[in-house]
Amino acid sequence: MRHIKQINFIKILIIFITLIFSSNVYSGQDLNSDEVKVLISDKTVIQKHAHKGVKIAIYFSSDGTFRHKKKGKKVKGEWHVDSEGKLCKKYKDVHEKCVAIVKVGNEWKSYFVPIHPTFPREHLFTYIKILDGNPKKL
């Protein structure tokens, strides 16, 4: 009986620690599909990588394509917003990756959403600027 109580205590402790850390990683409300489309369609998003600090400009065309530069070369792919409001991007020959867009204060952030809901979300990018059209000629 004592062994079972110890296991239950450990489970509760793990859940508690996960909640503490995940609340520090993610806060805010996910944008819905219409809000994401309005935010990025026919816009250039200047975003900063959450861990590397690298900035990248991506143009999201209203036709469902996106373009940016990587190491001086133009890169393109396709984008759409799923029914849950996640922004999904697909490069040629690479699997699709989807992220939740969240407004936190006065900025937008993108988060990888894990399959299992108890795992914490991972902050990927912070949107620094959102410009109308394609002023960077991407």
Protein backbone atom coordinates (compact mmCIF):
# COMPACT_ATOMS: atom_id res chain seq x y z
CA MET A 1 0.00 0.00 0.00
CA ARG A 2 2.83 2.38 0.85
CA HIS A 3 4.42 1.68 -2.56
CA ILE A 4 1.17 2.68 -4.35
CA LYS A 5 0.98 5.96 -2.40
CA GLN A 6 4.58 6.77 -3.37
CA ILE A 7 3.83 6.12 -7.05
CA ASN A 8 0.71 8.32 -6.91
CA PHE A 9 2.69 11.08 -5.20
CA ILE A 10 5.36 10.90 -7.91
CA LYS A 11 2.71 11.09 -10.67
CA ILE A 12 1.12 14.14 -9.04
CA LEU A 13 4.52 15.78 -8.60
CA ILE A 14 5.40 15.22 -12.27
CA ILE A 15 2.07 16.70 -13.41
CA PHE A 16 2.55 19.69 -11.10
CA ILE A 17 6.09 20.37 -12.38
CA THR A 18 4.93 20.02 -15.99
CA LEU A 19 2.15 22.56 -15.41
CA ILE A 20 4.55 25.03 -13.79
CA PHE A 21 7.05 24.87 -16.64
CA SER A 22 4.47 24.80 -19.42
CA SER A 23 2.74 27.90 -18.04
CA ASN A 24 6.05 29.76 -18.30
CA VAL A 25 6.55 28.61 -21.89
CA TYR A 26 3.08 29.36 -23.23
CA SER A 27 0.57 32.00 -22.32
CA GLY A 28 -2.09 33.64 -24.41
CA GLN A 29 -4.96 32.73 -26.66
CA ASP A 30 -4.56 30.89 -29.97
CA LEU A 31 -5.81 32.82 -32.96
CA ASN A 32 -8.60 31.13 -34.91
CA SER A 33 -8.30 30.33 -38.62
CA ASP A 34 -9.87 33.61 -39.81
CA GLU A 35 -7.62 35.68 -37.53
CA VAL A 36 -4.49 33.90 -38.79
CA LYS A 37 -5.51 34.45 -42.43
CA VAL A 38 -6.13 38.16 -41.86
CA LEU A 39 -2.84 38.48 -39.97
CA ILE A 40 -0.55 36.99 -42.66
CA SER A 41 -2.32 36.79 -46.04
CA ASP A 42 -0.56 39.08 -48.56
CA LYS A 43 1.81 40.17 -45.79
CA THR A 44 5.53 39.97 -45.13
CA VAL A 45 6.24 38.70 -41.63
CA ILE A 46 9.57 39.57 -40.04
CA GLN A 47 10.11 36.94 -37.37
CA LYS A 48 12.85 36.19 -34.87
CA HIS A 49 13.80 32.64 -33.95
CA ALA A 50 13.10 32.08 -30.24
CA HIS A 51 16.33 30.17 -29.55
CA LYS A 52 18.82 31.26 -32.22
CA GLY A 53 17.82 34.93 -32.43
CA VAL A 54 18.03 34.84 -36.24
CA LYS A 55 15.58 37.11 -38.09
CA ILE A 56 13.83 36.00 -41.27
CA ALA A 57 11.35 37.73 -43.59
CA ILE A 58 8.63 35.55 -45.11
CA TYR A 59 6.06 36.72 -47.64
CA PHE A 60 2.73 34.88 -47.39
CA SER A 61 0.96 35.37 -50.72
CA SER A 62 -2.84 35.31 -50.79
CA ASP A 63 -2.62 32.46 -53.35
CA GLY A 64 -1.36 30.06 -50.63
CA THR A 65 2.36 30.24 -51.43
CA PHE A 66 5.15 31.68 -49.32
CA ARG A 67 8.66 32.85 -50.10
CA HIS A 68 11.77 33.77 -48.15
CA LYS A 69 15.54 33.70 -48.52
CA LYS A 70 17.87 31.20 -46.89
CA LYS A 71 21.62 31.72 -47.27
CA GLY A 72 20.94 34.15 -50.12
CA LYS A 73 18.78 31.72 -52.12
CA LYS A 74 15.04 32.07 -52.61
CA VAL A 75 12.99 29.34 -50.96
CA LYS A 76 9.30 28.79 -51.59
CA GLY A 77 6.51 26.57 -50.42
CA GLU A 78 2.80 26.39 -49.74
CA TRP A 79 0.80 27.52 -46.73
CA HIS A 80 -2.72 27.13 -45.42
CA VAL A 81 -4.56 27.47 -42.13
CA ASP A 82 -6.24 24.35 -40.77
CA SER A 83 -9.67 24.22 -39.11
CA GLU A 84 -8.07 24.62 -35.66
CA GLY A 85 -6.33 27.84 -36.69
CA LYS A 86 -2.83 26.39 -37.04
CA LEU A 87 -0.61 27.85 -39.75
CA CYS A 88 0.73 24.99 -41.84
CA LYS A 89 3.72 25.34 -44.17
CA LYS A 90 5.07 22.79 -46.62
CA TYR A 91 8.32 23.00 -48.53
CA LYS A 92 8.96 20.86 -51.60
CA ASP A 93 9.81 17.28 -50.57
CA VAL A 94 9.47 18.06 -46.85
CA HIS A 95 6.58 17.10 -44.59
CA GLU A 96 4.08 19.75 -43.52
CA LYS A 97 4.70 21.61 -40.25
CA CYS A 98 1.93 23.40 -38.40
CA VAL A 99 2.13 25.96 -35.60
CA ALA A 100 -0.32 27.79 -33.40
CA ILE A 101 -0.19 31.60 -33.59
CA VAL A 102 -0.78 33.30 -30.27
CA LYS A 103 -1.15 36.96 -29.36
CA VAL A 104 0.78 37.68 -26.17
CA GLY A 105 0.50 41.32 -25.14
CA ASN A 106 1.36 43.39 -28.21
CA GLU A 107 3.17 40.67 -30.14
CA TRP A 108 2.43 37.43 -31.93
CA LYS A 109 4.31 34.21 -31.30
CA SER A 110 4.28 30.85 -33.03
CA TYR A 111 4.33 27.62 -31.05
CA PHE A 112 4.88 24.01 -31.98
CA VAL A 113 1.89 22.11 -30.61
CA PRO A 114 2.82 18.58 -29.44
CA ILE A 115 0.52 15.66 -30.15
CA HIS A 116 -0.02 14.89 -26.47
CA PRO A 117 -1.79 17.78 -24.67
CA THR A 118 0.16 17.37 -21.41
CA PHE A 119 3.49 18.08 -23.11
CA PRO A 120 4.45 21.77 -23.13
CA ARG A 121 4.30 23.83 -26.30
CA GLU A 122 7.57 25.06 -27.73
CA HIS A 123 7.96 28.74 -28.64
CA LEU A 124 9.50 28.88 -32.12
CA PHE A 125 9.25 32.46 -33.43
CA THR A 126 8.20 35.94 -32.36
CA TYR A 127 6.74 38.14 -35.10
CA ILE A 128 8.74 41.39 -34.98
CA LYS A 129 6.90 43.23 -37.80
CA ILE A 130 4.07 42.48 -40.18
CA LEU A 131 4.23 44.51 -43.39
CA ASP A 132 1.54 44.85 -46.06
CA GLY A 133 2.36 43.17 -49.36
CA ASN A 134 5.85 42.11 -50.42
CA PRO A 135 8.08 45.18 -49.89
CA LYS A 136 11.21 43.01 -49.56
CA LYS A 137 10.66 41.59 -53.09
CA LEU A 138 10.72 37.98 -51.90
